[in-house]
Amino acid sequence: MCATERERAWTVATHSADFFARFAPVADEDRLLTAALWVYWSFAFDDARCDSGPLSGRPAQFPWR
C-alpha cells in the first residue's frame, strides 16, 4: 500500500485505525480490523488515483475507467 518508508510512517501516524475504532467500541476485533484496513486502503486509493492520478482533473470520467 505504501511505496516508501516515509509513506508508511505518514499513514501509520494518522492513527486512522484508532479513530475508526471509536465509532465501534464494542465491535468484534476481526471485523473491526477488516473495516479499518478498508479505510486505510480507501484513503490510499483516493490519494493515488483520485487526487493525483490521470483522472484527477476530470472526476466525472473516473467511474468510466
PDB file of N, CA and C in Angstrom:
ATOM      1  N   MET A   1       0.813  -1.181   0.000  1.00  0.00           N
ATOM      2  CA  MET A   1       0.000   0.000   0.000  1.00  0.00           C
ATOM      3  C   MET A   1       0.864   1.256   0.000  1.00  0.00           C
ATOM      4  N   CYS A   2       1.997   1.213   0.638  1.00  0.00           N
ATOM      5  CA  CYS A   2       2.886   2.374   0.718  1.00  0.00           C
ATOM      6  C   CYS A   2       4.148   2.079  -0.087  1.00  0.00           C
ATOM      7  N   ALA A   3       4.506   3.012  -0.941  1.00  0.00           N
ATOM      8  CA  ALA A   3       5.659   2.803  -1.814  1.00  0.00           C
ATOM      9  C   ALA A   3       6.985   3.023  -1.108  1.00  0.00           C
ATOM     10  N   THR A   4       6.993   3.841  -0.066  1.00  0.00           N
ATOM     11  CA  THR A   4       8.234   4.144   0.638  1.00  0.00           C
ATOM     12  C   THR A   4       8.020   4.063   2.141  1.00  0.00           C
ATOM     13  N   GLU A   5       9.114   4.018   2.867  1.00  0.00           N
ATOM     14  CA  GLU A   5       9.022   4.007   4.332  1.00  0.00           C
ATOM     15  C   GLU A   5       8.405   5.316   4.830  1.00  0.00           C
ATOM     16  N   ARG A   6       8.689   6.393   4.150  1.00  0.00           N
ATOM     17  CA  ARG A   6       8.107   7.682   4.548  1.00  0.00           C
ATOM     18  C   ARG A   6       6.583   7.651   4.411  1.00  0.00           C
ATOM     19  N   GLU A   7       6.089   7.100   3.305  1.00  0.00           N
ATOM     20  CA  GLU A   7       4.642   6.978   3.129  1.00  0.00           C
ATOM     21  C   GLU A   7       4.030   6.101   4.208  1.00  0.00           C
ATOM     22  N   ARG A   8       4.716   5.010   4.542  1.00  0.00           N
ATOM     23  CA  ARG A   8       4.225   4.122   5.594  1.00  0.00           C
ATOM     24  C   ARG A   8       4.150   4.856   6.923  1.00  0.00           C
ATOM     25  N   ALA A   9       5.198   5.580   7.264  1.00  0.00           N
ATOM     26  CA  ALA A   9       5.229   6.322   8.525  1.00  0.00           C
ATOM     27  C   ALA A   9       4.104   7.355   8.564  1.00  0.00           C
ATOM     28  N   TRP A  10       3.875   8.040   7.441  1.00  0.00           N
ATOM     29  CA  TRP A  10       2.812   9.033   7.370  1.00  0.00           C
ATOM     30  C   TRP A  10       1.444   8.371   7.579  1.00  0.00           C
ATOM     31  N   THR A  11       1.239   7.223   6.943  1.00  0.00           N
ATOM     32  CA  THR A  11      -0.026   6.507   7.065  1.00  0.00           C
ATOM     33  C   THR A  11      -0.272   6.060   8.501  1.00  0.00           C
ATOM     34  N   VAL A  12       0.744   5.467   9.112  1.00  0.00           N
ATOM     35  CA  VAL A  12       0.612   4.998  10.492  1.00  0.00           C
ATOM     36  C   VAL A  12       0.375   6.167  11.441  1.00  0.00           C
ATOM     37  N   ALA A  13       1.025   7.290  11.181  1.00  0.00           N
ATOM     38  CA  ALA A  13       0.907   8.461  12.056  1.00  0.00           C
ATOM     39  C   ALA A  13      -0.491   9.076  12.043  1.00  0.00           C
ATOM     40  N   THR A  14      -1.311   8.729  11.064  1.00  0.00           N
ATOM     41  CA  THR A  14      -2.667   9.270  11.035  1.00  0.00           C
ATOM     42  C   THR A  14      -3.543   8.675  12.131  1.00  0.00           C
ATOM     43  N   HIS A  15      -3.150   7.530  12.647  1.00  0.00           N
ATOM     44  CA  HIS A  15      -3.927   6.829  13.682  1.00  0.00           C
ATOM     45  C   HIS A  15      -5.361   6.583  13.219  1.00  0.00           C
ATOM     46  N   SER A  16      -5.524   6.340  11.939  1.00  0.00           N
ATOM     47  CA  SER A  16      -6.854   6.131  11.384  1.00  0.00           C
ATOM     48  C   SER A  16      -7.554   4.921  11.992  1.00  0.00           C
ATOM     49  N   ALA A  17      -6.823   3.878  12.285  1.00  0.00           N
ATOM     50  CA  ALA A  17      -7.449   2.699  12.885  1.00  0.00           C
ATOM     51  C   ALA A  17      -8.024   3.039  14.256  1.00  0.00           C
ATOM     52  N   ASP A  18      -7.297   3.784  15.048  1.00  0.00           N
ATOM     53  CA  ASP A  18      -7.784   4.205  16.362  1.00  0.00           C
ATOM     54  C   ASP A  18      -9.020   5.087  16.205  1.00  0.00           C
ATOM     55  N   PHE A  19      -8.951   6.034  15.281  1.00  0.00           N
ATOM     56  CA  PHE A  19     -10.085   6.908  15.016  1.00  0.00           C
ATOM     57  C   PHE A  19     -11.308   6.093  14.610  1.00  0.00           C
ATOM     58  N   PHE A  20     -11.116   5.148  13.695  1.00  0.00           N
ATOM     59  CA  PHE A  20     -12.226   4.331  13.215  1.00  0.00           C
ATOM     60  C   PHE A  20     -12.787   3.471  14.338  1.00  0.00           C
ATOM     61  N   ALA A  21     -11.929   2.927  15.187  1.00  0.00           N
ATOM     62  CA  ALA A  21     -12.376   2.065  16.281  1.00  0.00           C
ATOM     63  C   ALA A  21     -13.286   2.804  17.257  1.00  0.00           C
ATOM     64  N   ARG A  22     -13.139   4.097  17.357  1.00  0.00           N
ATOM     65  CA  ARG A  22     -14.004   4.871  18.256  1.00  0.00           C
ATOM     66  C   ARG A  22     -15.459   4.870  17.798  1.00  0.00           C
ATOM     67  N   PHE A  23     -15.699   4.586  16.537  1.00  0.00           N
ATOM     68  CA  PHE A  23     -17.067   4.502  16.031  1.00  0.00           C
ATOM     69  C   PHE A  23     -17.739   3.187  16.421  1.00  0.00           C
ATOM     70  N   ALA A  24     -16.934   2.190  16.753  1.00  0.00           N
ATOM     71  CA  ALA A  24     -17.470   0.865  17.076  1.00  0.00           C
ATOM     72  C   ALA A  24     -16.702   0.273  18.264  1.00  0.00           C
ATOM     73  N   PRO A  25     -16.853   0.865  19.447  1.00  0.00           N
ATOM     74  CA  PRO A  25     -16.029   0.448  20.593  1.00  0.00           C
ATOM     75  C   PRO A  25     -16.270  -0.984  21.073  1.00  0.00           C
ATOM     76  N   VAL A  26     -17.385  -1.580  20.725  1.00  0.00           N
ATOM     77  CA  VAL A  26     -17.657  -2.949  21.170  1.00  0.00           C
ATOM     78  C   VAL A  26     -17.687  -3.934  19.993  1.00  0.00           C
ATOM     79  N   ALA A  27     -17.089  -3.547  18.906  1.00  0.00           N
ATOM     80  CA  ALA A  27     -17.093  -4.389  17.696  1.00  0.00           C
ATOM     81  C   ALA A  27     -16.223  -5.630  17.878  1.00  0.00           C
ATOM     82  N   ASP A  28     -16.570  -6.644  17.124  1.00  0.00           N
ATOM     83  CA  ASP A  28     -15.738  -7.839  17.029  1.00  0.00           C
ATOM     84  C   ASP A  28     -14.388  -7.421  16.451  1.00  0.00           C
ATOM     85  N   GLU A  29     -13.298  -7.846  17.070  1.00  0.00           N
ATOM     86  CA  GLU A  29     -11.965  -7.388  16.659  1.00  0.00           C
ATOM     87  C   GLU A  29     -11.641  -7.725  15.205  1.00  0.00           C
ATOM     88  N   ASP A  30     -11.988  -8.917  14.757  1.00  0.00           N
ATOM     89  CA  ASP A  30     -11.683  -9.288  13.371  1.00  0.00           C
ATOM     90  C   ASP A  30     -12.453  -8.419  12.378  1.00  0.00           C
ATOM     91  N   ARG A  31     -13.697  -8.157  12.678  1.00  0.00           N
ATOM     92  CA  ARG A  31     -14.496  -7.318  11.786  1.00  0.00           C
ATOM     93  C   ARG A  31     -14.025  -5.869  11.826  1.00  0.00           C
ATOM     94  N   LEU A  32     -13.644  -5.423  12.997  1.00  0.00           N
ATOM     95  CA  LEU A  32     -13.130  -4.055  13.113  1.00  0.00           C
ATOM     96  C   LEU A  32     -11.827  -3.913  12.339  1.00  0.00           C
ATOM     97  N   LEU A  33     -10.965  -4.924  12.413  1.00  0.00           N
ATOM     98  CA  LEU A  33      -9.715  -4.888  11.656  1.00  0.00           C
ATOM     99  C   LEU A  33     -10.001  -4.807  10.162  1.00  0.00           C
ATOM    100  N   THR A  34     -10.936  -5.609   9.694  1.00  0.00           N
ATOM    101  CA  THR A  34     -11.299  -5.583   8.278  1.00  0.00           C
ATOM    102  C   THR A  34     -11.788  -4.191   7.872  1.00  0.00           C
ATOM    103  N   ALA A  35     -12.636  -3.602   8.694  1.00  0.00           N
ATOM    104  CA  ALA A  35     -13.154  -2.263   8.389  1.00  0.00           C
ATOM    105  C   ALA A  35     -12.043  -1.218   8.413  1.00  0.00           C
ATOM    106  N   ALA A  36     -11.151  -1.292   9.393  1.00  0.00           N
ATOM    107  CA  ALA A  36     -10.052  -0.326   9.484  1.00  0.00           C
ATOM    108  C   ALA A  36      -9.107  -0.467   8.290  1.00  0.00           C
ATOM    109  N   LEU A  37      -8.811  -1.681   7.889  1.00  0.00           N
ATOM    110  CA  LEU A  37      -7.953  -1.890   6.716  1.00  0.00           C
ATOM    111  C   LEU A  37      -8.620  -1.345   5.461  1.00  0.00           C
ATOM    112  N   TRP A  38      -9.929  -1.493   5.368  1.00  0.00           N
ATOM    113  CA  TRP A  38     -10.664  -0.947   4.228  1.00  0.00           C
ATOM    114  C   TRP A  38     -10.524   0.571   4.193  1.00  0.00           C
ATOM    115  N   VAL A  39     -10.618   1.204   5.362  1.00  0.00           N
ATOM    116  CA  VAL A  39     -10.491   2.662   5.419  1.00  0.00           C
ATOM    117  C   VAL A  39      -9.086   3.089   4.986  1.00  0.00           C
ATOM    118  N   TYR A  40      -8.055   2.399   5.504  1.00  0.00           N
ATOM    119  CA  TYR A  40      -6.682   2.724   5.095  1.00  0.00           C
ATOM    120  C   TYR A  40      -6.525   2.566   3.587  1.00  0.00           C
ATOM    121  N   TRP A  41      -7.028   1.472   3.033  1.00  0.00           N
ATOM    122  CA  TRP A  41      -6.913   1.226   1.603  1.00  0.00           C
ATOM    123  C   TRP A  41      -7.666   2.301   0.813  1.00  0.00           C
ATOM    124  N   SER A  42      -8.847   2.665   1.274  1.00  0.00           N
ATOM    125  CA  SER A  42      -9.646   3.662   0.572  1.00  0.00           C
ATOM    126  C   SER A  42      -8.933   5.006   0.490  1.00  0.00           C
ATOM    127  N   PHE A  43      -8.318   5.419   1.599  1.00  0.00           N
ATOM    128  CA  PHE A  43      -7.589   6.682   1.579  1.00  0.00           C
ATOM    129  C   PHE A  43      -6.367   6.591   0.665  1.00  0.00           C
ATOM    130  N   ALA A  44      -5.686   5.462   0.688  1.00  0.00           N
ATOM    131  CA  ALA A  44      -4.521   5.288  -0.185  1.00  0.00           C
ATOM    132  C   ALA A  44      -4.946   5.299  -1.650  1.00  0.00           C
ATOM    133  N   PHE A  45      -6.039   4.620  -1.954  1.00  0.00           N
ATOM    134  CA  PHE A  45      -6.562   4.608  -3.320  1.00  0.00           C
ATOM    135  C   PHE A  45      -6.940   6.020  -3.755  1.00  0.00           C
ATOM    136  N   ASP A  46      -7.619   6.741  -2.880  1.00  0.00           N
ATOM    137  CA  ASP A  46      -8.008   8.114  -3.197  1.00  0.00           C
ATOM    138  C   ASP A  46      -6.784   8.978  -3.477  1.00  0.00           C
ATOM    139  N   ASP A  47      -5.770   8.857  -2.636  1.00  0.00           N
ATOM    140  CA  ASP A  47      -4.559   9.655  -2.834  1.00  0.00           C
ATOM    141  C   ASP A  47      -3.861   9.311  -4.145  1.00  0.00           C
ATOM    142  N   ALA A  48      -3.793   8.012  -4.443  1.00  0.00           N
ATOM    143  CA  ALA A  48      -3.046   7.569  -5.614  1.00  0.00           C
ATOM    144  C   ALA A  48      -3.801   7.748  -6.926  1.00  0.00           C
ATOM    145  N   ARG A  49      -5.085   7.531  -6.914  1.00  0.00           N
ATOM    146  CA  ARG A  49      -5.842   7.522  -8.165  1.00  0.00           C
ATOM    147  C   ARG A  49      -6.749   8.735  -8.358  1.00  0.00           C
ATOM    148  N   CYS A  50      -7.227   9.305  -7.281  1.00  0.00           N
ATOM    149  CA  CYS A  50      -8.202  10.397  -7.405  1.00  0.00           C
ATOM    150  C   CYS A  50      -7.562  11.774  -7.245  1.00  0.00           C
ATOM    151  N   ASP A  51      -6.621  11.880  -6.322  1.00  0.00           N
ATOM    152  CA  ASP A  51      -6.008  13.182  -6.065  1.00  0.00           C
ATOM    153  C   ASP A  51      -4.899  13.527  -7.054  1.00  0.00           C
ATOM    154  N   SER A  52      -4.133  12.515  -7.464  1.00  0.00           N
ATOM    155  CA  SER A  52      -3.001  12.806  -8.335  1.00  0.00           C
ATOM    156  C   SER A  52      -2.900  11.864  -9.530  1.00  0.00           C
ATOM    157  N   GLY A  53      -3.893  11.069  -9.740  1.00  0.00           N
ATOM    158  CA  GLY A  53      -3.868  10.139 -10.858  1.00  0.00           C
ATOM    159  C   GLY A  53      -4.222  10.804 -12.175  1.00  0.00           C
ATOM    160  N   PRO A  54      -4.263  10.022 -13.240  1.00  0.00           N
ATOM    161  CA  PRO A  54      -4.510  10.573 -14.569  1.00  0.00           C
ATOM    162  C   PRO A  54      -5.881  11.233 -14.718  1.00  0.00           C
ATOM    163  N   LEU A  55      -6.836  10.883 -13.887  1.00  0.00           N
ATOM    164  CA  LEU A  55      -8.173  11.473 -13.985  1.00  0.00           C
ATOM    165  C   LEU A  55      -8.447  12.482 -12.870  1.00  0.00           C
ATOM    166  N   SER A  56      -7.436  12.880 -12.153  1.00  0.00           N
ATOM    167  CA  SER A  56      -7.643  13.782 -11.017  1.00  0.00           C
ATOM    168  C   SER A  56      -8.256  15.112 -11.436  1.00  0.00           C
ATOM    169  N   GLY A  57      -8.018  15.543 -12.631  1.00  0.00           N
ATOM    170  CA  GLY A  57      -8.586  16.783 -13.125  1.00  0.00           C
ATOM    171  C   GLY A  57      -9.904  16.598 -13.858  1.00  0.00           C
ATOM    172  N   ARG A  58     -10.320  15.331 -14.007  1.00  0.00           N
ATOM    173  CA  ARG A  58     -11.575  15.026 -14.716  1.00  0.00           C
ATOM    174  C   ARG A  58     -12.406  14.027 -13.916  1.00  0.00           C
ATOM    175  N   PRO A  59     -12.892  14.399 -12.729  1.00  0.00           N
ATOM    176  CA  PRO A  59     -13.577  13.441 -11.859  1.00  0.00           C
ATOM    177  C   PRO A  59     -14.835  12.847 -12.472  1.00  0.00           C
ATOM    178  N   ALA A  60     -15.486  13.531 -13.381  1.00  0.00           N
ATOM    179  CA  ALA A  60     -16.703  12.976 -13.998  1.00  0.00           C
ATOM    180  C   ALA A  60     -16.396  11.739 -14.840  1.00  0.00           C
ATOM    181  N   GLN A  61     -15.174  11.614 -15.335  1.00  0.00           N
ATOM    182  CA  GLN A  61     -14.792  10.462 -16.158  1.00  0.00           C
ATOM    183  C   GLN A  61     -14.284   9.301 -15.320  1.00  0.00           C
ATOM    184  N   PHE A  62     -14.025   9.519 -14.048  1.00  0.00           N
ATOM    185  CA  PHE A  62     -13.415   8.480 -13.212  1.00  0.00           C
ATOM    186  C   PHE A  62     -14.221   7.182 -13.174  1.00  0.00           C
ATOM    187  N   PRO A  63     -15.546   7.212 -12.995  1.00  0.00           N
ATOM    188  CA  PRO A  63     -16.300   5.939 -12.903  1.00  0.00           C
ATOM    189  C   PRO A  63     -16.265   5.121 -14.182  1.00  0.00           C
ATOM    190  N   TRP A  64     -15.940   5.711 -15.291  1.00  0.00           N
ATOM    191  CA  TRP A  64     -15.982   5.009 -16.572  1.00  0.00           C
ATOM    192  C   TRP A  64     -14.666   4.371 -16.956  1.00  0.00           C
ATOM    193  N   ARG A  65     -13.651   4.487 -16.105  1.00  0.00           N
ATOM    194  CA  ARG A  65     -12.344   3.890 -16.414  1.00  0.00           C
ATOM    195  C   ARG A  65     -12.153   2.615 -15.684  1.00  0.00           C
TER     196      ARG A  65
END
